[in-house]
């Protein structure tokens, strides 16, 4: 993985964190995954270790849980 992946569910906490992440590391360095638009990526995120969103998975595979918007169980609904 060459880019970080930022997973979120579209809540206000997530959208705010998305903007901060983009401002910090640059849009070219992060792929943004919005589960409301792409539910097929939920399993991918869980397999990477994401327990709640918003979360950033770094190129080395570290999962950084940012603030707390929703658990993955809530995301799966």
C-alpha atoms as a PDB file:
ATOM      1  CA  UNK A   1       0.000   0.000   0.000  1.00  0.00           C
ATOM      2  CA  UNK A   2       1.571   3.298  -1.031  1.00  0.00           C
ATOM      3  CA  UNK A   3      -1.144   5.624   0.274  1.00  0.00           C
ATOM      4  CA  UNK A   4      -2.880   5.874   3.591  1.00  0.00           C
ATOM      5  CA  UNK A   5      -6.572   4.967   3.556  1.00  0.00           C
ATOM      6  CA  UNK A   6      -9.028   7.085   5.521  1.00  0.00           C
ATOM      7  CA  UNK A   7     -12.249   5.236   6.316  1.00  0.00           C
ATOM      8  CA  UNK A   8     -15.365   7.061   7.467  1.00  0.00           C
ATOM      9  CA  UNK A   9     -19.147   6.904   7.599  1.00  0.00           C
ATOM     10  CA  UNK A  10     -20.078  10.474   6.726  1.00  0.00           C
ATOM     11  CA  UNK A  11     -20.996  11.722  10.199  1.00  0.00           C
ATOM     12  CA  UNK A  12     -19.926  15.263  11.185  1.00  0.00           C
ATOM     13  CA  UNK A  13     -16.987  13.927  13.244  1.00  0.00           C
ATOM     14  CA  UNK A  14     -15.817  11.897  10.242  1.00  0.00           C
ATOM     15  CA  UNK A  15     -16.178  14.712   7.714  1.00  0.00           C
ATOM     16  CA  UNK A  16     -14.258  17.102   9.960  1.00  0.00           C
ATOM     17  CA  UNK A  17     -11.487  14.540  10.453  1.00  0.00           C
ATOM     18  CA  UNK A  18     -11.371  13.893   6.685  1.00  0.00           C
ATOM     19  CA  UNK A  19     -10.674  17.560   6.016  1.00  0.00           C
ATOM     20  CA  UNK A  20      -7.980  17.664   8.702  1.00  0.00           C
ATOM     21  CA  UNK A  21      -6.280  14.527   7.349  1.00  0.00           C
ATOM     22  CA  UNK A  22      -6.302  15.895   3.799  1.00  0.00           C
ATOM     23  CA  UNK A  23      -4.864  19.193   5.036  1.00  0.00           C
ATOM     24  CA  UNK A  24      -2.177  17.390   7.051  1.00  0.00           C
ATOM     25  CA  UNK A  25      -0.943  14.775   4.592  1.00  0.00           C
ATOM     26  CA  UNK A  26      -2.333  15.935   1.254  1.00  0.00           C
ATOM     27  CA  UNK A  27      -4.999  14.504  -1.025  1.00  0.00           C
ATOM     28  CA  UNK A  28      -2.343  12.763  -3.143  1.00  0.00           C
ATOM     29  CA  UNK A  29      -1.246  10.741  -0.113  1.00  0.00           C
ATOM     30  CA  UNK A  30      -4.621   9.467   1.111  1.00  0.00           C
ATOM     31  CA  UNK A  31      -7.484   7.473  -0.344  1.00  0.00           C
ATOM     32  CA  UNK A  32     -10.808   8.423   1.228  1.00  0.00           C
ATOM     33  CA  UNK A  33     -13.391   5.656   1.658  1.00  0.00           C
ATOM     34  CA  UNK A  34     -16.910   6.736   2.645  1.00  0.00           C
ATOM     35  CA  UNK A  35     -18.880   3.668   3.709  1.00  0.00           C
ATOM     36  CA  UNK A  36     -22.182   5.332   2.820  1.00  0.00           C
ATOM     37  CA  UNK A  37     -20.969   5.417  -0.777  1.00  0.00           C
ATOM     38  CA  UNK A  38     -19.000   2.155  -0.796  1.00  0.00           C
ATOM     39  CA  UNK A  39     -20.272  -0.452   1.688  1.00  0.00           C
ATOM     40  CA  UNK A  40     -18.276  -3.116  -0.153  1.00  0.00           C
ATOM     41  CA  UNK A  41     -15.121  -1.803   1.540  1.00  0.00           C
ATOM     42  CA  UNK A  42     -16.337  -2.493   5.119  1.00  0.00           C
ATOM     43  CA  UNK A  43     -14.828  -5.995   5.249  1.00  0.00           C
ATOM     44  CA  UNK A  44     -11.539  -4.642   3.888  1.00  0.00           C
ATOM     45  CA  UNK A  45     -11.424  -2.083   6.706  1.00  0.00           C
ATOM     46  CA  UNK A  46     -12.259  -4.678   9.356  1.00  0.00           C
ATOM     47  CA  UNK A  47      -9.553  -6.999   7.998  1.00  0.00           C
ATOM     48  CA  UNK A  48      -7.086  -4.105   8.268  1.00  0.00           C
ATOM     49  CA  UNK A  49      -7.988  -3.741  11.964  1.00  0.00           C
ATOM     50  CA  UNK A  50     -10.416  -0.822  11.867  1.00  0.00           C
ATOM     51  CA  UNK A  51     -12.680  -0.991  14.945  1.00  0.00           C
ATOM     52  CA  UNK A  52     -14.378   2.398  14.622  1.00  0.00           C
ATOM     53  CA  UNK A  53     -14.514   5.344  12.268  1.00  0.00           C
ATOM     54  CA  UNK A  54     -13.013   7.717  11.452  1.00  0.00           C
ATOM     55  CA  UNK A  55      -9.799   5.740  11.098  1.00  0.00           C
ATOM     56  CA  UNK A  56      -6.639   6.071   9.068  1.00  0.00           C
ATOM     57  CA  UNK A  57      -4.691   3.019   7.918  1.00  0.00           C
ATOM     58  CA  UNK A  58      -1.094   3.975   7.182  1.00  0.00           C
ATOM     59  CA  UNK A  59       0.988   2.550   4.324  1.00  0.00           C
ATOM     60  CA  UNK A  60       2.740   0.296   6.868  1.00  0.00           C
ATOM     61  CA  UNK A  61      -0.607  -1.116   8.050  1.00  0.00           C
ATOM     62  CA  UNK A  62      -0.940   0.751  11.336  1.00  0.00           C
ATOM     63  CA  UNK A  63      -4.518   1.708  12.203  1.00  0.00           C
ATOM     64  CA  UNK A  64      -4.999   5.150  13.726  1.00  0.00           C
ATOM     65  CA  UNK A  65      -8.446   5.524  15.264  1.00  0.00           C
ATOM     66  CA  UNK A  66      -9.300   9.223  15.240  1.00  0.00           C
ATOM     67  CA  UNK A  67     -11.787  10.596  17.747  1.00  0.00           C
ATOM     68  CA  UNK A  68     -14.940   8.450  17.713  1.00  0.00           C
ATOM     69  CA  UNK A  69     -17.784   8.706  15.248  1.00  0.00           C
ATOM     70  CA  UNK A  70     -19.208   5.175  15.068  1.00  0.00           C
ATOM     71  CA  UNK A  71     -18.242   1.580  15.760  1.00  0.00           C
ATOM     72  CA  UNK A  72     -17.929  -0.800  12.836  1.00  0.00           C
ATOM     73  CA  UNK A  73     -21.041  -2.586  14.150  1.00  0.00           C
ATOM     74  CA  UNK A  74     -22.962   0.705  13.806  1.00  0.00           C
ATOM     75  CA  UNK A  75     -21.532   1.220  10.324  1.00  0.00           C
ATOM     76  CA  UNK A  76     -22.718  -2.238   9.250  1.00  0.00           C
ATOM     77  CA  UNK A  77     -26.121  -1.263  10.639  1.00  0.00           C
END
